[in-house]
PDB file of N, CA and C in Angstrom:
ATOM      1  N   MET A   1      29.207  46.996   1.757  1.00  0.00           N
ATOM      2  CA  MET A   1      28.913  45.808   2.515  1.00  0.00           C
ATOM      3  C   MET A   1      30.186  44.968   2.610  1.00  0.00           C
ATOM      4  N   PRO A   2      30.484  44.416   3.777  1.00  0.00           N
ATOM      5  CA  PRO A   2      31.718  43.643   3.942  1.00  0.00           C
ATOM      6  C   PRO A   2      31.663  42.292   3.226  1.00  0.00           C
ATOM      7  N   ARG A   3      32.858  41.816   2.873  1.00  0.00           N
ATOM      8  CA  ARG A   3      33.015  40.497   2.272  1.00  0.00           C
ATOM      9  C   ARG A   3      33.668  39.578   3.285  1.00  0.00           C
ATOM     10  N   TYR A   4      33.204  38.348   3.326  1.00  0.00           N
ATOM     11  CA  TYR A   4      33.729  37.353   4.249  1.00  0.00           C
ATOM     12  C   TYR A   4      34.268  36.176   3.449  1.00  0.00           C
ATOM     13  N   ASP A   5      35.435  35.678   3.842  1.00  0.00           N
ATOM     14  CA  ASP A   5      36.062  34.540   3.184  1.00  0.00           C
ATOM     15  C   ASP A   5      35.671  33.261   3.908  1.00  0.00           C
ATOM     16  N   PHE A   6      35.350  32.243   3.128  1.00  0.00           N
ATOM     17  CA  PHE A   6      34.989  30.936   3.665  1.00  0.00           C
ATOM     18  C   PHE A   6      35.814  29.859   2.976  1.00  0.00           C
ATOM     19  N   ARG A   7      35.981  28.726   3.649  1.00  0.00           N
ATOM     20  CA  ARG A   7      36.599  27.552   3.053  1.00  0.00           C
ATOM     21  C   ARG A   7      35.681  26.365   3.286  1.00  0.00           C
ATOM     22  N   CYS A   8      35.513  25.570   2.235  1.00  0.00           N
ATOM     23  CA  CYS A   8      34.683  24.377   2.318  1.00  0.00           C
ATOM     24  C   CYS A   8      35.531  23.226   2.852  1.00  0.00           C
ATOM     25  N   ARG A   9      35.067  22.580   3.886  1.00  0.00           N
ATOM     26  CA  ARG A   9      35.795  21.443   4.448  1.00  0.00           C
ATOM     27  C   ARG A   9      35.627  20.199   3.588  1.00  0.00           C
ATOM     28  N   ALA A  10      34.560  20.133   2.804  1.00  0.00           N
ATOM     29  CA  ALA A  10      34.297  18.946   1.985  1.00  0.00           C
ATOM     30  C   ALA A  10      35.167  18.924   0.732  1.00  0.00           C
ATOM     31  N   CYS A  11      35.263  20.059   0.023  1.00  0.00           N
ATOM     32  CA  CYS A  11      36.002  20.053  -1.246  1.00  0.00           C
ATOM     33  C   CYS A  11      37.255  20.929  -1.219  1.00  0.00           C
ATOM     34  N   GLY A  12      37.444  21.732  -0.154  1.00  0.00           N
ATOM     35  CA  GLY A  12      38.648  22.542  -0.020  1.00  0.00           C
ATOM     36  C   GLY A  12      38.633  23.865  -0.749  1.00  0.00           C
ATOM     37  N   SER A  13      37.555  24.202  -1.447  1.00  0.00           N
ATOM     38  CA  SER A  13      37.526  25.472  -2.168  1.00  0.00           C
ATOM     39  C   SER A  13      37.346  26.637  -1.204  1.00  0.00           C
ATOM     40  N   THR A  14      37.863  27.798  -1.599  1.00  0.00           N
ATOM     41  CA  THR A  14      37.661  29.019  -0.828  1.00  0.00           C
ATOM     42  C   THR A  14      36.796  29.948  -1.665  1.00  0.00           C
ATOM     43  N   PHE A  15      35.963  30.734  -0.991  1.00  0.00           N
ATOM     44  CA  PHE A  15      35.036  31.620  -1.684  1.00  0.00           C
ATOM     45  C   PHE A  15      34.685  32.786  -0.784  1.00  0.00           C
ATOM     46  N   GLU A  16      34.159  33.844  -1.401  1.00  0.00           N
ATOM     47  CA  GLU A  16      33.758  35.053  -0.679  1.00  0.00           C
ATOM     48  C   GLU A  16      32.247  35.170  -0.659  1.00  0.00           C
ATOM     49  N   VAL A  17      31.744  35.734   0.424  1.00  0.00           N
ATOM     50  CA  VAL A  17      30.326  36.026   0.554  1.00  0.00           C
ATOM     51  C   VAL A  17      30.202  37.481   0.983  1.00  0.00           C
ATOM     52  N   THR A  18      29.380  38.250   0.285  1.00  0.00           N
ATOM     53  CA  THR A  18      29.109  39.634   0.650  1.00  0.00           C
ATOM     54  C   THR A  18      27.779  39.667   1.381  1.00  0.00           C
ATOM     55  N   ARG A  19      27.814  40.189   2.600  1.00  0.00           N
ATOM     56  CA  ARG A  19      26.595  40.250   3.415  1.00  0.00           C
ATOM     57  C   ARG A  19      26.753  41.325   4.472  1.00  0.00           C
ATOM     58  N   PRO A  20      25.649  41.766   5.058  1.00  0.00           N
ATOM     59  CA  PRO A  20      25.747  42.783   6.110  1.00  0.00           C
ATOM     60  C   PRO A  20      26.450  42.231   7.351  1.00  0.00           C
ATOM     61  N   MET A  21      27.027  43.126   8.133  1.00  0.00           N
ATOM     62  CA  MET A  21      27.723  42.717   9.346  1.00  0.00           C
ATOM     63  C   MET A  21      26.793  41.993  10.310  1.00  0.00           C
ATOM     64  N   SER A  22      25.516  42.324  10.292  1.00  0.00           N
ATOM     65  CA  SER A  22      24.558  41.669  11.183  1.00  0.00           C
ATOM     66  C   SER A  22      24.403  40.187  10.856  1.00  0.00           C
ATOM     67  N   ALA A  23      24.824  39.760   9.658  1.00  0.00           N
ATOM     68  CA  ALA A  23      24.722  38.360   9.250  1.00  0.00           C
ATOM     69  C   ALA A  23      26.099  37.697   9.162  1.00  0.00           C
ATOM     70  N   SER A  24      27.110  38.303   9.768  1.00  0.00           N
ATOM     71  CA  SER A  24      28.486  37.809   9.624  1.00  0.00           C
ATOM     72  C   SER A  24      28.688  36.409  10.194  1.00  0.00           C
ATOM     73  N   ASP A  25      27.923  36.018  11.189  1.00  0.00           N
ATOM     74  CA  ASP A  25      28.105  34.710  11.819  1.00  0.00           C
ATOM     75  C   ASP A  25      27.255  33.603  11.197  1.00  0.00           C
ATOM     76  N   GLU A  26      26.460  33.930  10.184  1.00  0.00           N
ATOM     77  CA  GLU A  26      25.616  32.916   9.554  1.00  0.00           C
ATOM     78  C   GLU A  26      26.451  31.969   8.703  1.00  0.00           C
ATOM     79  N   ALA A  27      26.013  30.726   8.615  1.00  0.00           N
ATOM     80  CA  ALA A  27      26.696  29.729   7.792  1.00  0.00           C
ATOM     81  C   ALA A  27      26.532  30.075   6.314  1.00  0.00           C
ATOM     82  N   ALA A  28      27.465  29.582   5.493  1.00  0.00           N
ATOM     83  CA  ALA A  28      27.400  29.808   4.048  1.00  0.00           C
ATOM     84  C   ALA A  28      27.729  28.507   3.335  1.00  0.00           C
ATOM     85  N   ALA A  29      26.910  28.129   2.382  1.00  0.00           N
ATOM     86  CA  ALA A  29      27.181  26.936   1.575  1.00  0.00           C
ATOM     87  C   ALA A  29      28.189  27.301   0.493  1.00  0.00           C
ATOM     88  N   CYS A  30      29.073  26.364   0.157  1.00  0.00           N
ATOM     89  CA  CYS A  30      30.067  26.625  -0.880  1.00  0.00           C
ATOM     90  C   CYS A  30      29.391  26.601  -2.253  1.00  0.00           C
ATOM     91  N   PRO A  31      30.045  27.139  -3.278  1.00  0.00           N
ATOM     92  CA  PRO A  31      29.453  27.157  -4.621  1.00  0.00           C
ATOM     93  C   PRO A  31      29.129  25.760  -5.161  1.00  0.00           C
ATOM     94  N   GLU A  32      29.780  24.726  -4.628  1.00  0.00           N
ATOM     95  CA  GLU A  32      29.502  23.346  -5.055  1.00  0.00           C
ATOM     96  C   GLU A  32      28.314  22.753  -4.309  1.00  0.00           C
ATOM     97  N   GLY A  33      27.757  23.506  -3.330  1.00  0.00           N
ATOM     98  CA  GLY A  33      26.573  23.058  -2.602  1.00  0.00           C
ATOM     99  C   GLY A  33      26.832  22.378  -1.271  1.00  0.00           C
ATOM    100  N   HIS A  34      28.082  22.286  -0.839  1.00  0.00           N
ATOM    101  CA  HIS A  34      28.394  21.673   0.455  1.00  0.00           C
ATOM    102  C   HIS A  34      28.079  22.651   1.583  1.00  0.00           C
ATOM    103  N   ASP A  35      27.632  22.104   2.695  1.00  0.00           N
ATOM    104  CA  ASP A  35      27.279  22.945   3.844  1.00  0.00           C
ATOM    105  C   ASP A  35      28.356  23.007   4.919  1.00  0.00           C
ATOM    106  N   ASP A  36      29.366  22.152   4.838  1.00  0.00           N
ATOM    107  CA  ASP A  36      30.404  22.097   5.865  1.00  0.00           C
ATOM    108  C   ASP A  36      31.495  23.122   5.548  1.00  0.00           C
ATOM    109  N   THR A  37      31.244  24.376   5.924  1.00  0.00           N
ATOM    110  CA  THR A  37      32.181  25.460   5.631  1.00  0.00           C
ATOM    111  C   THR A  37      32.609  26.146   6.919  1.00  0.00           C
ATOM    112  N   VAL A  38      33.712  26.855   6.839  1.00  0.00           N
ATOM    113  CA  VAL A  38      34.227  27.602   7.981  1.00  0.00           C
ATOM    114  C   VAL A  38      34.631  28.996   7.492  1.00  0.00           C
ATOM    115  N   ARG A  39      34.318  30.005   8.290  1.00  0.00           N
ATOM    116  CA  ARG A  39      34.712  31.365   7.931  1.00  0.00           C
ATOM    117  C   ARG A  39      36.181  31.557   8.258  1.00  0.00           C
ATOM    118  N   LEU A  40      36.923  32.148   7.335  1.00  0.00           N
ATOM    119  CA  LEU A  40      38.352  32.377   7.510  1.00  0.00           C
ATOM    120  C   LEU A  40      38.603  33.746   8.105  1.00  0.00           C
ATOM    121  N   LEU A  41      39.702  33.875   8.801  1.00  0.00           N
ATOM    122  CA  LEU A  41      40.126  35.159   9.325  1.00  0.00           C
ATOM    123  C   LEU A  41      40.733  35.945   8.170  1.00  0.00           C
ATOM    124  N   SER A  42      40.137  37.046   7.831  1.00  0.00           N
ATOM    125  CA  SER A  42      40.618  37.856   6.714  1.00  0.00           C
ATOM    126  C   SER A  42      41.651  38.853   7.195  1.00  0.00           C
ATOM    127  N   THR A  43      42.613  39.123   6.339  1.00  0.00           N
ATOM    128  CA  THR A  43      43.591  40.154   6.634  1.00  0.00           C
ATOM    129  C   THR A  43      43.280  41.358   5.773  1.00  0.00           C
ATOM    130  N   VAL A  44      43.543  42.508   6.288  1.00  0.00           N
ATOM    131  CA  VAL A  44      43.272  43.746   5.579  1.00  0.00           C
ATOM    132  C   VAL A  44      44.598  44.364   5.180  1.00  0.00           C
ATOM    133  N   ALA A  45      44.740  44.665   3.911  1.00  0.00           N
ATOM    134  CA  ALA A  45      45.947  45.336   3.426  1.00  0.00           C
ATOM    135  C   ALA A  45      45.575  46.767   3.087  1.00  0.00           C
ATOM    136  N   MET A  46      46.279  47.682   3.686  1.00  0.00           N
ATOM    137  CA  MET A  46      46.014  49.090   3.422  1.00  0.00           C
ATOM    138  C   MET A  46      47.240  49.683   2.739  1.00  0.00           C
ATOM    139  N   THR A  47      47.018  50.302   1.614  1.00  0.00           N
ATOM    140  CA  THR A  47      48.118  50.918   0.886  1.00  0.00           C
ATOM    141  C   THR A  47      47.726  52.336   0.509  1.00  0.00           C
ATOM    142  N   GLY A  48      48.735  53.136   0.206  1.00  0.00           N
ATOM    143  CA  GLY A  48      48.471  54.483  -0.267  1.00  0.00           C
ATOM    144  C   GLY A  48      48.236  55.500   0.827  1.00  0.00           C
ATOM    145  N   GLY A  49      48.250  55.078   2.066  1.00  0.00           N
ATOM    146  CA  GLY A  49      48.044  56.012   3.160  1.00  0.00           C
ATOM    147  C   GLY A  49      49.334  56.728   3.515  1.00  0.00           C
ATOM    148  N   ALA A  50      49.208  57.779   4.249  1.00  0.00           N
ATOM    149  CA  ALA A  50      50.385  58.541   4.680  1.00  0.00           C
ATOM    150  C   ALA A  50      51.097  57.779   5.797  1.00  0.00           C
ATOM    151  N   ALA A  51      52.382  57.668   5.695  1.00  0.00           N
ATOM    152  CA  ALA A  51      53.177  57.008   6.730  1.00  0.00           C
ATOM    153  C   ALA A  51      53.336  57.944   7.920  1.00  0.00           C
ATOM    154  N   ALA A  52      53.466  57.360   9.078  1.00  0.00           N
ATOM    155  CA  ALA A  52      53.672  58.159  10.280  1.00  0.00           C
ATOM    156  C   ALA A  52      55.053  58.812  10.211  1.00  0.00           C
ATOM    157  N   PRO A  53      55.152  60.068  10.574  1.00  0.00           N
ATOM    158  CA  PRO A  53      56.448  60.740  10.528  1.00  0.00           C
ATOM    159  C   PRO A  53      57.390  60.182  11.585  1.00  0.00           C
ATOM    160  N   PRO A  54      58.687  60.151  11.324  1.00  0.00           N
ATOM    161  CA  PRO A  54      59.619  59.690  12.335  1.00  0.00           C
ATOM    162  C   PRO A  54      59.576  60.607  13.547  1.00  0.00           C
ATOM    163  N   SER A  55      59.751  60.005  14.698  1.00  0.00           N
ATOM    164  CA  SER A  55      59.672  60.811  15.917  1.00  0.00           C
ATOM    165  C   SER A  55      60.763  60.364  16.879  1.00  0.00           C
ATOM    166  N   GLY A  56      60.999  61.171  17.854  1.00  0.00           N
ATOM    167  CA  GLY A  56      61.957  60.849  18.889  1.00  0.00           C
ATOM    168  C   GLY A  56      61.266  60.358  20.122  1.00  0.00           C
ATOM    169  N   GLY A  57      60.030  59.868  19.967  1.00  0.00           N
ATOM    170  CA  GLY A  57      59.252  59.407  21.106  1.00  0.00           C
ATOM    171  C   GLY A  57      59.748  58.084  21.657  1.00  0.00           C
ATOM    172  N   CYS A  58      59.051  57.579  22.597  1.00  0.00           N
ATOM    173  CA  CYS A  58      59.474  56.407  23.330  1.00  0.00           C
ATOM    174  C   CYS A  58      59.608  55.169  22.426  1.00  0.00           C
ATOM    175  N   CYS A  59      58.821  55.088  21.394  1.00  0.00           N
ATOM    176  CA  CYS A  59      58.867  53.892  20.527  1.00  0.00           C
ATOM    177  C   CYS A  59      59.988  53.962  19.506  1.00  0.00           C
ATOM    178  N   GLY A  60      60.667  55.073  19.367  1.00  0.00           N
ATOM    179  CA  GLY A  60      61.708  55.144  18.367  1.00  0.00           C
ATOM    180  C   GLY A  60      62.937  55.914  18.806  1.00  0.00           C
ATOM    181  N   GLY A  61      62.821  56.616  19.917  1.00  0.00           N
ATOM    182  CA  GLY A  61      63.924  57.464  20.319  1.00  0.00           C
ATOM    183  C   GLY A  61      64.802  56.897  21.411  1.00  0.00           C
ATOM    184  N   GLY A  62      64.466  55.738  21.944  1.00  0.00           N
ATOM    185  CA  GLY A  62      65.310  55.110  22.948  1.00  0.00           C
ATOM    186  C   GLY A  62      65.134  55.649  24.351  1.00  0.00           C
ATOM    187  N   CYS A  63      63.997  56.323  24.628  1.00  0.00           N
ATOM    188  CA  CYS A  63      63.823  56.879  25.968  1.00  0.00           C
ATOM    189  C   CYS A  63      63.352  55.847  26.981  1.00  0.00           C
ATOM    190  N   CYS A  64      62.883  54.685  26.498  1.00  0.00           N
ATOM    191  CA  CYS A  64      62.426  53.632  27.418  1.00  0.00           C
ATOM    192  C   CYS A  64      63.612  52.828  27.894  1.00  0.00           C
ATOM    193  N   SER A  65      63.666  52.580  29.167  1.00  0.00           N
ATOM    194  CA  SER A  65      64.775  51.776  29.716  1.00  0.00           C
ATOM    195  C   SER A  65      64.254  50.588  30.443  1.00  0.00           C
TER     196      SER A  65
END
């Protein structure tokens, strides 16, 4: 299940909520009980994957003019 980051506008705390994607747009109260929260744009960090091999294609080989 995905996690969503929120920030409370009243107290400034940030917190995570785990919920199904179908409920991603629902409001979330902060742990202090405030209702004035906003969902933050989360960034995804991916590590450990295979890097793309170097190529002589248009994005790296200089064939675009």
